[in-house]
Amino acid sequence: MNNKQLIGFLGLGAFSALSILSFAYLLQVMIRDANFLMNIEPKLNFWITESLTFLIFIIVSLLFLTWSSQNLETLKKSIKKALVISIATYFLINVFQFIYTFYGTQYIMEKSMENMSDYYDYLKENPLYRTCNSIVVYIEYIIFGLIVFFKMKEENSLN
């Protein structure tokens, strides 16, 4: 692997990780808001949202790393294209986040302001949930690192 490919793979990894995190966050907000519309109580809303987001993050990470390792030779040949796609994907997801936050939040506030207010009041009254939210994020990072580590180990044992 030459330096150009190495830099391309570093960029691909960075923007792919950012894309996965952004995608998981977008779905987290959408799941939470859907729970507002379904009148899910705040405590259950929190745990449903956190659990599903966690699972989505892990599944998407595994799928991406599996696909990447299975298509390594193709990626080596077209790393520049893959890097451009990963950068574009990251920015596209962020555009969707902006649009959803602008229009989706407005819609939720019109349709379910009381549930939204109850949810945030509940989180204020129970600061342990915010701590749990932070811990879940760090656990996601640790698991992502472990997935990468074991994928590398798996690839080394195959070669």
Protein backbone atom coordinates (compact mmCIF):
# COMPACT_ATOMS: atom_id res chain seq x y z
CA MET A 1 0.00 0.00 0.00
CA ASN A 2 1.40 3.39 -0.96
CA ASN A 3 1.04 6.65 0.99
CA LYS A 4 -1.80 7.91 -1.21
CA GLN A 5 -3.82 4.76 -0.51
CA LEU A 6 -3.01 4.95 3.21
CA ILE A 7 -4.27 8.52 3.43
CA GLY A 8 -7.33 7.53 1.41
CA PHE A 9 -8.09 4.65 3.77
CA LEU A 10 -7.64 6.88 6.82
CA GLY A 11 -10.09 9.38 5.33
CA LEU A 12 -12.48 6.62 4.35
CA GLY A 13 -12.41 5.24 7.88
CA ALA A 14 -12.86 8.65 9.48
CA PHE A 15 -15.76 9.76 7.28
CA SER A 16 -17.39 6.34 7.42
CA ALA A 17 -17.27 6.38 11.22
CA LEU A 18 -18.67 9.92 11.26
CA SER A 19 -21.41 8.83 8.85
CA ILE A 20 -22.36 5.86 11.02
CA LEU A 21 -22.47 8.06 14.14
CA SER A 22 -24.52 10.73 12.35
CA PHE A 23 -26.92 8.14 10.95
CA ALA A 24 -27.40 6.58 14.39
CA TYR A 25 -28.03 10.02 15.90
CA LEU A 26 -30.59 10.89 13.20
CA LEU A 27 -32.44 7.64 13.87
CA GLN A 28 -32.20 8.26 17.62
CA VAL A 29 -34.00 11.59 17.24
CA MET A 30 -36.59 10.07 14.92
CA ILE A 31 -37.26 7.13 17.24
CA ARG A 32 -37.61 9.45 20.25
CA ASP A 33 -40.01 11.67 18.31
CA ALA A 34 -42.05 8.68 17.09
CA ASN A 35 -42.39 7.64 20.73
CA PHE A 36 -43.76 11.11 21.51
CA LEU A 37 -46.41 10.62 18.83
CA MET A 38 -47.29 7.17 20.21
CA ASN A 39 -47.69 8.57 23.75
CA ILE A 40 -44.93 6.39 25.18
CA GLU A 41 -44.16 7.36 28.76
CA PRO A 42 -40.84 9.24 29.19
CA LYS A 43 -38.94 6.48 30.99
CA LEU A 44 -39.88 3.86 28.40
CA ASN A 45 -39.23 6.33 25.57
CA PHE A 46 -35.70 6.88 26.88
CA TRP A 47 -34.88 3.18 27.10
CA ILE A 48 -36.49 2.26 23.77
CA THR A 49 -34.62 5.07 22.05
CA GLU A 50 -31.26 4.24 23.65
CA SER A 51 -31.59 0.50 23.05
CA LEU A 52 -32.61 0.78 19.41
CA THR A 53 -29.96 3.39 18.66
CA PHE A 54 -27.32 1.20 20.27
CA LEU A 55 -28.40 -1.82 18.20
CA ILE A 56 -28.55 0.22 14.99
CA PHE A 57 -25.05 1.59 15.59
CA ILE A 58 -23.61 -1.88 16.21
CA ILE A 59 -25.38 -3.49 13.24
CA VAL A 60 -24.43 -0.73 10.78
CA SER A 61 -20.82 -0.79 12.05
CA LEU A 62 -20.61 -4.55 11.61
CA LEU A 63 -22.15 -4.38 8.15
CA PHE A 64 -19.76 -1.65 7.03
CA LEU A 65 -16.65 -3.37 8.37
CA THR A 66 -17.70 -6.72 6.91
CA TRP A 67 -18.42 -5.16 3.53
CA SER A 68 -15.13 -3.23 3.60
CA SER A 69 -13.04 -6.28 4.44
CA GLN A 70 -14.78 -8.34 1.73
CA ASN A 71 -14.19 -5.62 -0.88
CA LEU A 72 -10.67 -4.58 0.09
CA GLU A 73 -9.14 -5.15 -3.34
CA THR A 74 -11.86 -3.11 -5.03
CA LEU A 75 -11.39 -0.34 -2.45
CA LYS A 76 -7.63 -0.30 -3.05
CA LYS A 77 -8.22 0.23 -6.77
CA SER A 78 -10.78 3.00 -6.27
CA ILE A 79 -9.96 4.51 -2.89
CA LYS A 80 -10.44 8.07 -4.16
CA LYS A 81 -13.99 7.25 -5.33
CA ALA A 82 -14.77 5.49 -2.04
CA LEU A 83 -13.45 8.47 -0.08
CA VAL A 84 -15.58 10.91 -2.09
CA ILE A 85 -18.64 8.70 -1.52
CA SER A 86 -17.97 8.51 2.24
CA ILE A 87 -17.53 12.31 2.48
CA ALA A 88 -20.70 12.88 0.44
CA THR A 89 -22.60 10.36 2.58
CA TYR A 90 -21.54 12.16 5.76
CA PHE A 91 -22.68 15.54 4.46
CA LEU A 92 -25.91 14.11 3.04
CA ILE A 93 -26.80 12.58 6.40
CA ASN A 94 -26.10 15.94 8.06
CA VAL A 95 -28.38 17.69 5.57
CA PHE A 96 -31.13 15.17 6.47
CA GLN A 97 -30.45 15.86 10.16
CA PHE A 98 -30.87 19.58 9.59
CA ILE A 99 -34.05 19.15 7.56
CA TYR A 100 -35.52 16.71 10.07
CA THR A 101 -34.61 18.90 13.02
CA PHE A 102 -36.18 21.92 11.35
CA TYR A 103 -39.38 20.33 10.03
CA GLY A 104 -39.67 17.21 12.17
CA THR A 105 -39.30 19.02 15.48
CA GLN A 106 -41.84 21.61 14.39
CA TYR A 107 -44.29 18.82 13.50
CA ILE A 108 -43.69 17.01 16.81
CA MET A 109 -44.20 20.25 18.73
CA GLU A 110 -47.51 20.82 16.95
CA LYS A 111 -48.76 17.25 17.43
CA SER A 112 -47.23 16.17 20.70
CA MET A 113 -45.85 19.12 22.65
CA GLU A 114 -47.13 17.80 25.97
CA ASN A 115 -45.36 14.46 25.56
CA MET A 116 -42.17 16.21 24.49
CA SER A 117 -42.35 18.53 27.48
CA ASP A 118 -43.04 15.62 29.85
CA TYR A 119 -40.03 13.77 28.46
CA TYR A 120 -37.60 16.63 29.01
CA ASP A 121 -39.07 17.38 32.45
CA TYR A 122 -38.56 13.73 33.36
CA LEU A 123 -34.92 13.88 32.24
CA LYS A 124 -34.40 17.05 34.30
CA GLU A 125 -35.86 15.35 37.38
CA ASN A 126 -33.75 12.23 36.81
CA PRO A 127 -30.20 13.30 35.89
CA LEU A 128 -29.05 9.68 36.02
CA TYR A 129 -30.63 9.21 32.58
CA ARG A 130 -28.36 11.83 31.05
CA THR A 131 -25.41 10.01 32.62
CA CYS A 132 -26.69 6.73 31.16
CA ASN A 133 -26.95 8.40 27.75
CA SER A 134 -23.29 9.47 27.96
CA ILE A 135 -22.19 6.04 29.12
CA VAL A 136 -24.02 4.37 26.23
CA VAL A 137 -22.15 6.61 23.76
CA TYR A 138 -18.79 5.61 25.26
CA ILE A 139 -19.81 1.95 25.22
CA GLU A 140 -20.63 2.33 21.53
CA TYR A 141 -17.13 3.72 20.90
CA ILE A 142 -15.53 0.89 22.86
CA ILE A 143 -17.56 -1.74 21.02
CA PHE A 144 -16.76 -0.10 17.68
CA GLY A 145 -13.06 -0.25 18.59
CA LEU A 146 -13.40 -3.91 19.58
CA ILE A 147 -15.23 -4.72 16.35
CA VAL A 148 -12.40 -3.11 14.36
CA PHE A 149 -9.77 -4.89 16.45
CA PHE A 150 -11.38 -8.32 16.05
CA LYS A 151 -12.01 -7.77 12.34
CA MET A 152 -8.30 -7.02 11.95
CA LYS A 153 -7.42 -10.10 13.99
CA GLU A 154 -9.80 -12.20 11.88
CA GLU A 155 -8.25 -10.88 8.66
CA ASN A 156 -4.73 -11.60 9.95
CA SER A 157 -5.66 -15.18 10.76
CA LEU A 158 -7.06 -15.66 7.24
CA ASN A 159 -3.83 -14.45 5.60
